[in-house]
Amino acid sequence: MFRGVFGTGLLVRAVHTVLTWGVTAMLFLHDTDLYHQENNWIYLQPLIFVLSVMCSVALYFGVSLMDPGYVHSDIDEKSFPTTEDQEMISQTSNTVRMRRCGYCFLKQPMRARHCKSCQRCVRRYDHHCPWIENCVGENNHCLFMLYLTVQLLVLFWAFSLAWSGFQSETSWSGWLRVNIFLLLAFILISIFTMVVCLLLVSQLYLIACNTTTWEFMSHHRIPYLKQCDSDTNPFDRGVVRNLWSFFCTGGTVAWDQIYFRATYNTV
C-alpha cells in the first residue's frame, strides 16, 4: 500500500517537515499568544496547536506515501460492462476503445493515465503533485482533500498567531531586527495559505462536477471526451451524488459502465 520512504520524494518530504516544524518553533519562541499562554502555565491551546500540526504532518506523509491507485495488471473482466450493457456498448464502442499504455504496456481502465514522474498508470488520475511527490488518484484523492482541509485550518491559526507576535519599535530597522524571523515565517504562512485555499476550492469544484484536473485541462485530447461537447461530462451525476460518491463511498469504480450508460442515454 505504501511506497518506500527513501524514494525520490525524500528531499521534498524533508523540506516540508523542516519548514513545518521550523515555523511552529518560531510561533513558540516569539512573543505570540502561544508564548504568553505557555509562560502563564496555560497549555491547552499550545497542546491543541501542536496536535493539529502533527495531524497535518501525518496526513501529508499518508497521502504522499500511499498508492494513489496504480494499475498493477491488465484490467479484469469486472471492470468491463456486464451482459446487460452490451447493447449500449455496441453503439459507442466504435468510437471509444480501451487503450494499452505505451509506457508500461498495461490496458488502462477508463479515466486512468500514465504518470511520467511516477512511471506508473494511475486509476482516475487527477494530477501529479510535486509538493507531496506523488500522484493524486482514485485511492488517495479523498485523503488528499482531508489533508488540504486540515492544513488550511492550521495555516489560518498560524497566520493569526504570527500576526499577534509582531513587536512595535520606534524605527523600521529596529522593527526588522526584532521581527525578522517571525516576518519570514509570516510570509511563508501567507503564501501557503493562499496556495492551499485556491487548491482546495478548485478541487471541491471539480469533485462536485465529477471531473479531474487532467480531464478539465485536456478535455479536447482525451479519446473518451473528445466526442462530447466541451460543457458535457458523461460522469456527472449531479452535485449531491458526485460529492456523496467521492466522500462516502470507496473502492474501484467501473467508470466505463457509467460512461456507456450516459452516452447511451444521450443518443
C-alpha atoms as a PDB file:
ATOM      1  CA  MET A   1       0.000   0.000   0.000  1.00  0.00           C
ATOM      2  CA  PHE A   2       2.783   2.392   0.846  1.00  0.00           C
ATOM      3  CA  ARG A   3       5.782   3.230  -1.256  1.00  0.00           C
ATOM      4  CA  GLY A   4       9.337   3.259   0.031  1.00  0.00           C
ATOM      5  CA  VAL A   5      10.057   6.133   2.375  1.00  0.00           C
ATOM      6  CA  PHE A   6      13.503   6.639   0.873  1.00  0.00           C
ATOM      7  CA  GLY A   7      12.284   7.193  -2.684  1.00  0.00           C
ATOM      8  CA  THR A   8      12.740  10.194  -4.949  1.00  0.00           C
ATOM      9  CA  GLY A   9      10.499  12.322  -2.740  1.00  0.00           C
ATOM     10  CA  LEU A  10      12.752  12.129   0.321  1.00  0.00           C
ATOM     11  CA  LEU A  11      14.126  15.654  -0.200  1.00  0.00           C
ATOM     12  CA  VAL A  12      10.661  17.163  -0.754  1.00  0.00           C
ATOM     13  CA  ARG A  13       9.282  15.490   2.363  1.00  0.00           C
ATOM     14  CA  ALA A  14      12.297  16.557   4.389  1.00  0.00           C
ATOM     15  CA  VAL A  15      11.851  20.184   3.280  1.00  0.00           C
ATOM     16  CA  HIS A  16       8.149  20.044   4.174  1.00  0.00           C
ATOM     17  CA  THR A  17       8.926  18.652   7.623  1.00  0.00           C
ATOM     18  CA  VAL A  18      11.683  21.186   8.332  1.00  0.00           C
ATOM     19  CA  LEU A  19       9.532  24.135   7.207  1.00  0.00           C
ATOM     20  CA  THR A  20       6.520  22.950   9.206  1.00  0.00           C
ATOM     21  CA  TRP A  21       8.343  22.493  12.483  1.00  0.00           C
ATOM     22  CA  GLY A  22      10.596  25.500  11.868  1.00  0.00           C
ATOM     23  CA  VAL A  23       7.586  27.797  11.516  1.00  0.00           C
ATOM     24  CA  THR A  24       5.955  26.144  14.534  1.00  0.00           C
ATOM     25  CA  ALA A  25       9.093  26.808  16.588  1.00  0.00           C
ATOM     26  CA  MET A  26       9.058  30.477  15.529  1.00  0.00           C
ATOM     27  CA  LEU A  27       5.496  30.808  16.793  1.00  0.00           C
ATOM     28  CA  PHE A  28       6.504  29.419  20.181  1.00  0.00           C
ATOM     29  CA  LEU A  29       9.756  31.371  20.549  1.00  0.00           C
ATOM     30  CA  HIS A  30       8.395  34.815  19.655  1.00  0.00           C
ATOM     31  CA  ASP A  31       6.003  36.989  21.630  1.00  0.00           C
ATOM     32  CA  THR A  32       2.847  35.357  20.283  1.00  0.00           C
ATOM     33  CA  ASP A  33      -0.321  34.246  22.041  1.00  0.00           C
ATOM     34  CA  LEU A  34       1.185  30.751  22.301  1.00  0.00           C
ATOM     35  CA  TYR A  35       4.259  32.135  24.038  1.00  0.00           C
ATOM     36  CA  HIS A  36       2.161  34.073  26.558  1.00  0.00           C
ATOM     37  CA  GLN A  37      -0.073  31.113  27.359  1.00  0.00           C
ATOM     38  CA  GLU A  38       2.900  28.822  27.777  1.00  0.00           C
ATOM     39  CA  ASN A  39       4.551  31.282  30.193  1.00  0.00           C
ATOM     40  CA  ASN A  40       1.317  31.550  32.158  1.00  0.00           C
ATOM     41  CA  TRP A  41       1.117  27.758  32.538  1.00  0.00           C
ATOM     42  CA  ILE A  42      -1.875  27.544  30.219  1.00  0.00           C
ATOM     43  CA  TYR A  43      -1.131  24.595  27.980  1.00  0.00           C
ATOM     44  CA  LEU A  44      -4.474  23.766  26.371  1.00  0.00           C
ATOM     45  CA  GLN A  45      -4.143  25.980  23.283  1.00  0.00           C
ATOM     46  CA  PRO A  46      -0.431  25.199  22.695  1.00  0.00           C
ATOM     47  CA  LEU A  47      -1.165  21.484  23.047  1.00  0.00           C
ATOM     48  CA  ILE A  48      -4.087  21.593  20.610  1.00  0.00           C
ATOM     49  CA  PHE A  49      -1.989  23.572  18.135  1.00  0.00           C
ATOM     50  CA  VAL A  50       0.894  21.085  18.294  1.00  0.00           C
ATOM     51  CA  LEU A  51      -1.514  18.163  17.898  1.00  0.00           C
ATOM     52  CA  SER A  52      -3.071  19.903  14.880  1.00  0.00           C
ATOM     53  CA  VAL A  53       0.356  20.339  13.299  1.00  0.00           C
ATOM     54  CA  MET A  54       1.179  16.687  13.992  1.00  0.00           C
ATOM     55  CA  CYS A  55      -2.110  15.619  12.418  1.00  0.00           C
ATOM     56  CA  SER A  56      -1.336  17.723   9.345  1.00  0.00           C
ATOM     57  CA  VAL A  57       2.144  16.199   9.026  1.00  0.00           C
ATOM     58  CA  ALA A  58       0.754  12.673   9.455  1.00  0.00           C
ATOM     59  CA  LEU A  59      -1.835  13.259   6.724  1.00  0.00           C
ATOM     60  CA  TYR A  60       0.892  14.700   4.493  1.00  0.00           C
ATOM     61  CA  PHE A  61       3.031  11.583   4.806  1.00  0.00           C
ATOM     62  CA  GLY A  62      -0.030   9.368   4.408  1.00  0.00           C
ATOM     63  CA  VAL A  63      -1.118  10.930   1.115  1.00  0.00           C
ATOM     64  CA  SER A  64       2.499  11.235  -0.010  1.00  0.00           C
ATOM     65  CA  LEU A  65       3.471   7.592   0.544  1.00  0.00           C
ATOM     66  CA  MET A  66       0.145   5.983  -0.304  1.00  0.00           C
ATOM     67  CA  ASP A  67      -0.509   4.062  -3.503  1.00  0.00           C
ATOM     68  CA  PRO A  68      -2.680   6.549  -5.436  1.00  0.00           C
ATOM     69  CA  GLY A  69      -4.337   3.763  -7.428  1.00  0.00           C
ATOM     70  CA  TYR A  70      -1.675   2.194  -9.597  1.00  0.00           C
ATOM     71  CA  VAL A  71      -2.758  -0.176 -12.343  1.00  0.00           C
ATOM     72  CA  HIS A  72      -0.839  -3.325 -11.382  1.00  0.00           C
ATOM     73  CA  SER A  73      -2.067  -5.629 -14.158  1.00  0.00           C
ATOM     74  CA  ASP A  74      -4.392  -5.735 -17.144  1.00  0.00           C
ATOM     75  CA  ILE A  75      -7.902  -4.782 -16.063  1.00  0.00           C
ATOM     76  CA  ASP A  76     -10.077  -7.758 -15.185  1.00  0.00           C
ATOM     77  CA  GLU A  77     -13.499  -8.613 -16.558  1.00  0.00           C
ATOM     78  CA  LYS A  78     -15.276  -6.941 -13.634  1.00  0.00           C
ATOM     79  CA  SER A  79     -14.263  -3.528 -14.889  1.00  0.00           C
ATOM     80  CA  PHE A  80     -15.917  -4.128 -18.251  1.00  0.00           C
ATOM     81  CA  PRO A  81     -19.646  -3.577 -18.794  1.00  0.00           C
ATOM     82  CA  THR A  82     -21.864  -6.543 -17.933  1.00  0.00           C
ATOM     83  CA  THR A  83     -24.012  -8.518 -20.342  1.00  0.00           C
ATOM     84  CA  GLU A  84     -26.992  -6.222 -19.870  1.00  0.00           C
ATOM     85  CA  ASP A  85     -24.857  -3.304 -21.072  1.00  0.00           C
ATOM     86  CA  GLN A  86     -23.828  -4.897 -24.382  1.00  0.00           C
ATOM     87  CA  GLU A  87     -26.472  -3.021 -26.369  1.00  0.00           C
ATOM     88  CA  MET A  88     -25.111   0.274 -25.078  1.00  0.00           C
ATOM     89  CA  ILE A  89     -21.532  -0.708 -25.835  1.00  0.00           C
ATOM     90  CA  SER A  90     -22.341  -1.725 -29.408  1.00  0.00           C
ATOM     91  CA  GLN A  91     -23.462   1.818 -30.160  1.00  0.00           C
ATOM     92  CA  THR A  92     -20.409   3.541 -28.678  1.00  0.00           C
ATOM     93  CA  SER A  93     -17.518   1.077 -28.789  1.00  0.00           C
ATOM     94  CA  ASN A  94     -16.724   2.013 -32.367  1.00  0.00           C
ATOM     95  CA  THR A  95     -15.595   5.456 -31.178  1.00  0.00           C
ATOM     96  CA  VAL A  96     -14.183   4.641 -27.721  1.00  0.00           C
ATOM     97  CA  ARG A  97     -11.533   1.929 -27.367  1.00  0.00           C
ATOM     98  CA  MET A  98      -9.714   0.623 -24.333  1.00  0.00           C
ATOM     99  CA  ARG A  99      -6.120   1.676 -24.926  1.00  0.00           C
ATOM    100  CA  ARG A 100      -2.898  -0.001 -23.913  1.00  0.00           C
ATOM    101  CA  CYS A 101      -0.335   2.229 -22.249  1.00  0.00           C
ATOM    102  CA  GLY A 102       2.652   2.942 -24.468  1.00  0.00           C
ATOM    103  CA  TYR A 103       4.998   3.059 -21.456  1.00  0.00           C
ATOM    104  CA  CYS A 104       4.071   0.169 -19.141  1.00  0.00           C
ATOM    105  CA  PHE A 105       2.044  -1.789 -21.761  1.00  0.00           C
ATOM    106  CA  LEU A 106      -0.942  -2.353 -19.483  1.00  0.00           C
ATOM    107  CA  LYS A 107      -4.564  -1.919 -20.523  1.00  0.00           C
ATOM    108  CA  GLN A 108      -5.736   1.308 -18.961  1.00  0.00           C
ATOM    109  CA  PRO A 109      -9.136   1.478 -17.257  1.00  0.00           C
ATOM    110  CA  MET A 110     -11.186   4.469 -18.314  1.00  0.00           C
ATOM    111  CA  ARG A 111     -10.020   7.714 -16.622  1.00  0.00           C
ATOM    112  CA  ALA A 112      -6.570   6.228 -15.947  1.00  0.00           C
ATOM    113  CA  ARG A 113      -3.419   7.931 -17.164  1.00  0.00           C
ATOM    114  CA  HIS A 114       0.278   7.181 -17.185  1.00  0.00           C
ATOM    115  CA  CYS A 115       2.305   9.484 -14.936  1.00  0.00           C
ATOM    116  CA  LYS A 116       5.791  10.059 -16.291  1.00  0.00           C
ATOM    117  CA  SER A 117       7.051  11.189 -12.882  1.00  0.00           C
ATOM    118  CA  CYS A 118       5.870   8.030 -11.084  1.00  0.00           C
ATOM    119  CA  GLN A 119       6.341   5.874 -14.214  1.00  0.00           C
ATOM    120  CA  ARG A 120       3.049   4.110 -13.474  1.00  0.00           C
ATOM    121  CA  CYS A 121      -0.533   4.225 -14.708  1.00  0.00           C
ATOM    122  CA  VAL A 122      -2.927   5.664 -12.109  1.00  0.00           C
ATOM    123  CA  ARG A 123      -6.668   4.999 -11.857  1.00  0.00           C
ATOM    124  CA  ARG A 124      -8.865   8.100 -12.028  1.00  0.00           C
ATOM    125  CA  TYR A 125      -5.747  10.201 -12.414  1.00  0.00           C
ATOM    126  CA  ASP A 126      -6.205  13.763 -11.181  1.00  0.00           C
ATOM    127  CA  HIS A 127      -2.694  15.247 -11.205  1.00  0.00           C
ATOM    128  CA  HIS A 128       0.861  14.699 -10.032  1.00  0.00           C
ATOM    129  CA  CYS A 129       1.506  16.931  -7.044  1.00  0.00           C
ATOM    130  CA  PRO A 130       5.184  17.928  -6.735  1.00  0.00           C
ATOM    131  CA  TRP A 131       4.704  19.035  -3.111  1.00  0.00           C
ATOM    132  CA  ILE A 132       3.762  15.512  -1.999  1.00  0.00           C
ATOM    133  CA  GLU A 133       5.893  13.938  -4.757  1.00  0.00           C
ATOM    134  CA  ASN A 134       3.072  11.576  -5.583  1.00  0.00           C
ATOM    135  CA  CYS A 135       0.076  11.320  -7.869  1.00  0.00           C
ATOM    136  CA  VAL A 136      -3.429  12.136  -6.701  1.00  0.00           C
ATOM    137  CA  GLY A 137      -5.667   9.346  -7.922  1.00  0.00           C
ATOM    138  CA  GLU A 138      -8.544   7.071  -7.067  1.00  0.00           C
ATOM    139  CA  ASN A 139      -7.073   5.671  -3.829  1.00  0.00           C
ATOM    140  CA  ASN A 140      -5.699   8.795  -2.158  1.00  0.00           C
ATOM    141  CA  HIS A 141      -7.786  11.670  -3.559  1.00  0.00           C
ATOM    142  CA  CYS A 142     -10.175  11.707  -0.587  1.00  0.00           C
ATOM    143  CA  LEU A 143      -7.256  11.646   1.861  1.00  0.00           C
ATOM    144  CA  PHE A 144      -5.654  14.451  -0.144  1.00  0.00           C
ATOM    145  CA  MET A 145      -8.761  16.582   0.394  1.00  0.00           C
ATOM    146  CA  LEU A 146      -8.723  15.835   4.122  1.00  0.00           C
ATOM    147  CA  TYR A 147      -5.057  16.836   4.250  1.00  0.00           C
ATOM    148  CA  LEU A 148      -5.770  20.135   2.460  1.00  0.00           C
ATOM    149  CA  THR A 149      -8.633  20.912   4.845  1.00  0.00           C
ATOM    150  CA  VAL A 150      -6.599  20.241   7.994  1.00  0.00           C
ATOM    151  CA  GLN A 151      -3.590  22.061   6.550  1.00  0.00           C
ATOM    152  CA  LEU A 152      -5.687  25.128   5.750  1.00  0.00           C
ATOM    153  CA  LEU A 153      -7.150  25.258   9.263  1.00  0.00           C
ATOM    154  CA  VAL A 154      -3.661  25.025  10.773  1.00  0.00           C
ATOM    155  CA  LEU A 155      -2.403  27.749   8.425  1.00  0.00           C
ATOM    156  CA  PHE A 156      -5.258  30.104   9.367  1.00  0.00           C
ATOM    157  CA  TRP A 157      -4.467  29.538  13.036  1.00  0.00           C
ATOM    158  CA  ALA A 158      -0.734  30.038  12.443  1.00  0.00           C
ATOM    159  CA  PHE A 159      -1.463  33.241  10.495  1.00  0.00           C
ATOM    160  CA  SER A 160      -3.360  34.657  13.470  1.00  0.00           C
ATOM    161  CA  LEU A 161      -0.640  33.605  15.906  1.00  0.00           C
ATOM    162  CA  ALA A 162       2.156  35.099  13.803  1.00  0.00           C
ATOM    163  CA  TRP A 163       0.272  38.391  13.498  1.00  0.00           C
ATOM    164  CA  SER A 164      -0.080  38.562  17.282  1.00  0.00           C
ATOM    165  CA  GLY A 165       3.663  38.237  17.765  1.00  0.00           C
ATOM    166  CA  PHE A 166       4.932  41.312  15.942  1.00  0.00           C
ATOM    167  CA  GLN A 167       6.536  43.818  18.301  1.00  0.00           C
ATOM    168  CA  SER A 168       6.454  47.560  17.652  1.00  0.00           C
ATOM    169  CA  GLU A 169       9.669  49.580  17.523  1.00  0.00           C
ATOM    170  CA  THR A 170      10.467  53.274  17.017  1.00  0.00           C
ATOM    171  CA  SER A 171      12.367  52.703  13.746  1.00  0.00           C
ATOM    172  CA  TRP A 172      11.930  50.458  10.727  1.00  0.00           C
ATOM    173  CA  SER A 173      15.418  48.983  11.098  1.00  0.00           C
ATOM    174  CA  GLY A 174      14.764  48.245  14.762  1.00  0.00           C
ATOM    175  CA  TRP A 175      11.415  46.609  13.946  1.00  0.00           C
ATOM    176  CA  LEU A 176      13.009  44.476  11.242  1.00  0.00           C
ATOM    177  CA  ARG A 177      15.844  43.407  13.540  1.00  0.00           C
ATOM    178  CA  VAL A 178      13.403  42.272  16.225  1.00  0.00           C
ATOM    179  CA  ASN A 179      10.826  40.650  13.950  1.00  0.00           C
ATOM    180  CA  ILE A 180      12.900  39.345  11.035  1.00  0.00           C
ATOM    181  CA  PHE A 181      12.451  35.604  11.740  1.00  0.00           C
ATOM    182  CA  LEU A 182       8.775  35.970  12.597  1.00  0.00           C
ATOM    183  CA  LEU A 183       8.310  38.025   9.427  1.00  0.00           C
ATOM    184  CA  LEU A 184       9.848  35.235   7.331  1.00  0.00           C
ATOM    185  CA  ALA A 185       7.537  32.722   8.989  1.00  0.00           C
ATOM    186  CA  PHE A 186       4.568  35.041   8.385  1.00  0.00           C
ATOM    187  CA  ILE A 187       5.427  35.330   4.666  1.00  0.00           C
ATOM    188  CA  LEU A 188       5.686  31.546   4.319  1.00  0.00           C
ATOM    189  CA  ILE A 189       2.381  31.061   6.124  1.00  0.00           C
ATOM    190  CA  SER A 190       0.672  33.659   3.900  1.00  0.00           C
ATOM    191  CA  ILE A 191       1.963  32.078   0.680  1.00  0.00           C
ATOM    192  CA  PHE A 192       0.972  28.557   1.666  1.00  0.00           C
ATOM    193  CA  THR A 193      -2.420  29.749   2.906  1.00  0.00           C
ATOM    194  CA  MET A 194      -3.254  31.280  -0.476  1.00  0.00           C
ATOM    195  CA  VAL A 195      -1.979  28.247  -2.410  1.00  0.00           C
ATOM    196  CA  VAL A 196      -3.801  25.676  -0.261  1.00  0.00           C
ATOM    197  CA  CYS A 197      -7.003  27.735  -0.261  1.00  0.00           C
ATOM    198  CA  LEU A 198      -7.042  28.040  -4.053  1.00  0.00           C
ATOM    199  CA  LEU A 199      -6.218  24.350  -4.471  1.00  0.00           C
ATOM    200  CA  LEU A 200      -8.922  23.252  -2.045  1.00  0.00           C
ATOM    201  CA  VAL A 201     -11.607  25.419  -3.688  1.00  0.00           C
ATOM    202  CA  SER A 202     -10.678  24.281  -7.206  1.00  0.00           C
ATOM    203  CA  GLN A 203     -10.606  20.619  -6.140  1.00  0.00           C
ATOM    204  CA  LEU A 204     -14.031  20.894  -4.491  1.00  0.00           C
ATOM    205  CA  TYR A 205     -15.442  22.391  -7.680  1.00  0.00           C
ATOM    206  CA  LEU A 206     -14.009  19.588  -9.825  1.00  0.00           C
ATOM    207  CA  ILE A 207     -15.245  16.924  -7.410  1.00  0.00           C
ATOM    208  CA  ALA A 208     -18.740  18.449  -7.431  1.00  0.00           C
ATOM    209  CA  CYS A 209     -18.666  18.134 -11.245  1.00  0.00           C
ATOM    210  CA  ASN A 210     -17.145  14.620 -11.096  1.00  0.00           C
ATOM    211  CA  THR A 211     -14.242  15.579 -13.292  1.00  0.00           C
ATOM    212  CA  THR A 212     -10.495  15.548 -12.704  1.00  0.00           C
ATOM    213  CA  THR A 213      -7.818  18.175 -13.165  1.00  0.00           C
ATOM    214  CA  TRP A 214      -6.409  16.210 -16.106  1.00  0.00           C
ATOM    215  CA  GLU A 215      -9.836  15.900 -17.767  1.00  0.00           C
ATOM    216  CA  PHE A 216     -10.612  19.572 -17.151  1.00  0.00           C
ATOM    217  CA  MET A 217      -7.325  20.742 -18.668  1.00  0.00           C
ATOM    218  CA  SER A 218      -7.122  18.222 -21.552  1.00  0.00           C
ATOM    219  CA  HIS A 219     -10.771  17.650 -22.475  1.00  0.00           C
ATOM    220  CA  HIS A 220     -10.056  18.026 -26.210  1.00  0.00           C
ATOM    221  CA  ARG A 221      -7.200  15.473 -26.182  1.00  0.00           C
ATOM    222  CA  ILE A 222      -8.795  12.619 -24.202  1.00  0.00           C
ATOM    223  CA  PRO A 223     -10.346   9.964 -26.525  1.00  0.00           C
ATOM    224  CA  TYR A 224     -13.435   9.261 -24.398  1.00  0.00           C
ATOM    225  CA  LEU A 225     -14.172  13.011 -24.018  1.00  0.00           C
ATOM    226  CA  LYS A 226     -13.324  14.313 -27.486  1.00  0.00           C
ATOM    227  CA  GLN A 227     -16.665  13.190 -28.883  1.00  0.00           C
ATOM    228  CA  CYS A 228     -18.537  15.026 -26.099  1.00  0.00           C
ATOM    229  CA  ASP A 229     -19.308  18.724 -26.085  1.00  0.00           C
ATOM    230  CA  SER A 230     -16.886  20.884 -24.118  1.00  0.00           C
ATOM    231  CA  ASP A 231     -19.583  21.511 -21.493  1.00  0.00           C
ATOM    232  CA  THR A 232     -20.716  17.856 -21.320  1.00  0.00           C
ATOM    233  CA  ASN A 233     -19.356  15.443 -18.722  1.00  0.00           C
ATOM    234  CA  PRO A 234     -20.548  11.811 -19.080  1.00  0.00           C
ATOM    235  CA  PHE A 235     -19.559  11.055 -15.473  1.00  0.00           C
ATOM    236  CA  ASP A 236     -21.583  13.887 -13.918  1.00  0.00           C
ATOM    237  CA  ARG A 237     -24.499  12.522 -11.865  1.00  0.00           C
ATOM    238  CA  GLY A 238     -25.428  15.740 -10.096  1.00  0.00           C
ATOM    239  CA  VAL A 239     -23.622  17.682  -7.391  1.00  0.00           C
ATOM    240  CA  VAL A 240     -25.093  15.766  -4.435  1.00  0.00           C
ATOM    241  CA  ARG A 241     -24.443  12.309  -5.906  1.00  0.00           C
ATOM    242  CA  ASN A 242     -20.981  13.344  -7.059  1.00  0.00           C
ATOM    243  CA  LEU A 243     -20.000  14.552  -3.588  1.00  0.00           C
ATOM    244  CA  TRP A 244     -21.602  11.547  -1.893  1.00  0.00           C
ATOM    245  CA  SER A 245     -19.848   9.110  -4.228  1.00  0.00           C
ATOM    246  CA  PHE A 246     -16.484  10.779  -3.684  1.00  0.00           C
ATOM    247  CA  PHE A 247     -16.517  11.263   0.088  1.00  0.00           C
ATOM    248  CA  CYS A 248     -18.823   8.483   1.310  1.00  0.00           C
ATOM    249  CA  THR A 249     -18.142   5.502  -0.951  1.00  0.00           C
ATOM    250  CA  GLY A 250     -14.854   3.825  -1.708  1.00  0.00           C
ATOM    251  CA  GLY A 251     -13.326   1.143  -3.869  1.00  0.00           C
ATOM    252  CA  THR A 252     -12.594   0.848  -7.557  1.00  0.00           C
ATOM    253  CA  VAL A 253     -15.308   2.223  -9.844  1.00  0.00           C
ATOM    254  CA  ALA A 254     -16.073   0.788 -13.280  1.00  0.00           C
ATOM    255  CA  TRP A 255     -16.148   4.185 -14.984  1.00  0.00           C
ATOM    256  CA  ASP A 256     -16.678   2.631 -18.414  1.00  0.00           C
ATOM    257  CA  GLN A 257     -20.114   1.364 -17.353  1.00  0.00           C
ATOM    258  CA  ILE A 258     -21.137   4.828 -16.137  1.00  0.00           C
ATOM    259  CA  TYR A 259     -19.739   6.342 -19.321  1.00  0.00           C
ATOM    260  CA  PHE A 260     -21.556   3.943 -21.668  1.00  0.00           C
ATOM    261  CA  ARG A 261     -24.847   4.381 -19.830  1.00  0.00           C
ATOM    262  CA  ALA A 262     -24.539   8.177 -20.003  1.00  0.00           C
ATOM    263  CA  THR A 263     -23.578   8.064 -23.677  1.00  0.00           C
ATOM    264  CA  TYR A 264     -26.422   5.671 -24.473  1.00  0.00           C
ATOM    265  CA  ASN A 265     -28.968   7.861 -22.706  1.00  0.00           C
ATOM    266  CA  THR A 266     -27.898  10.927 -24.697  1.00  0.00           C
ATOM    267  CA  VAL A 267     -28.167   9.191 -28.077  1.00  0.00           C
END
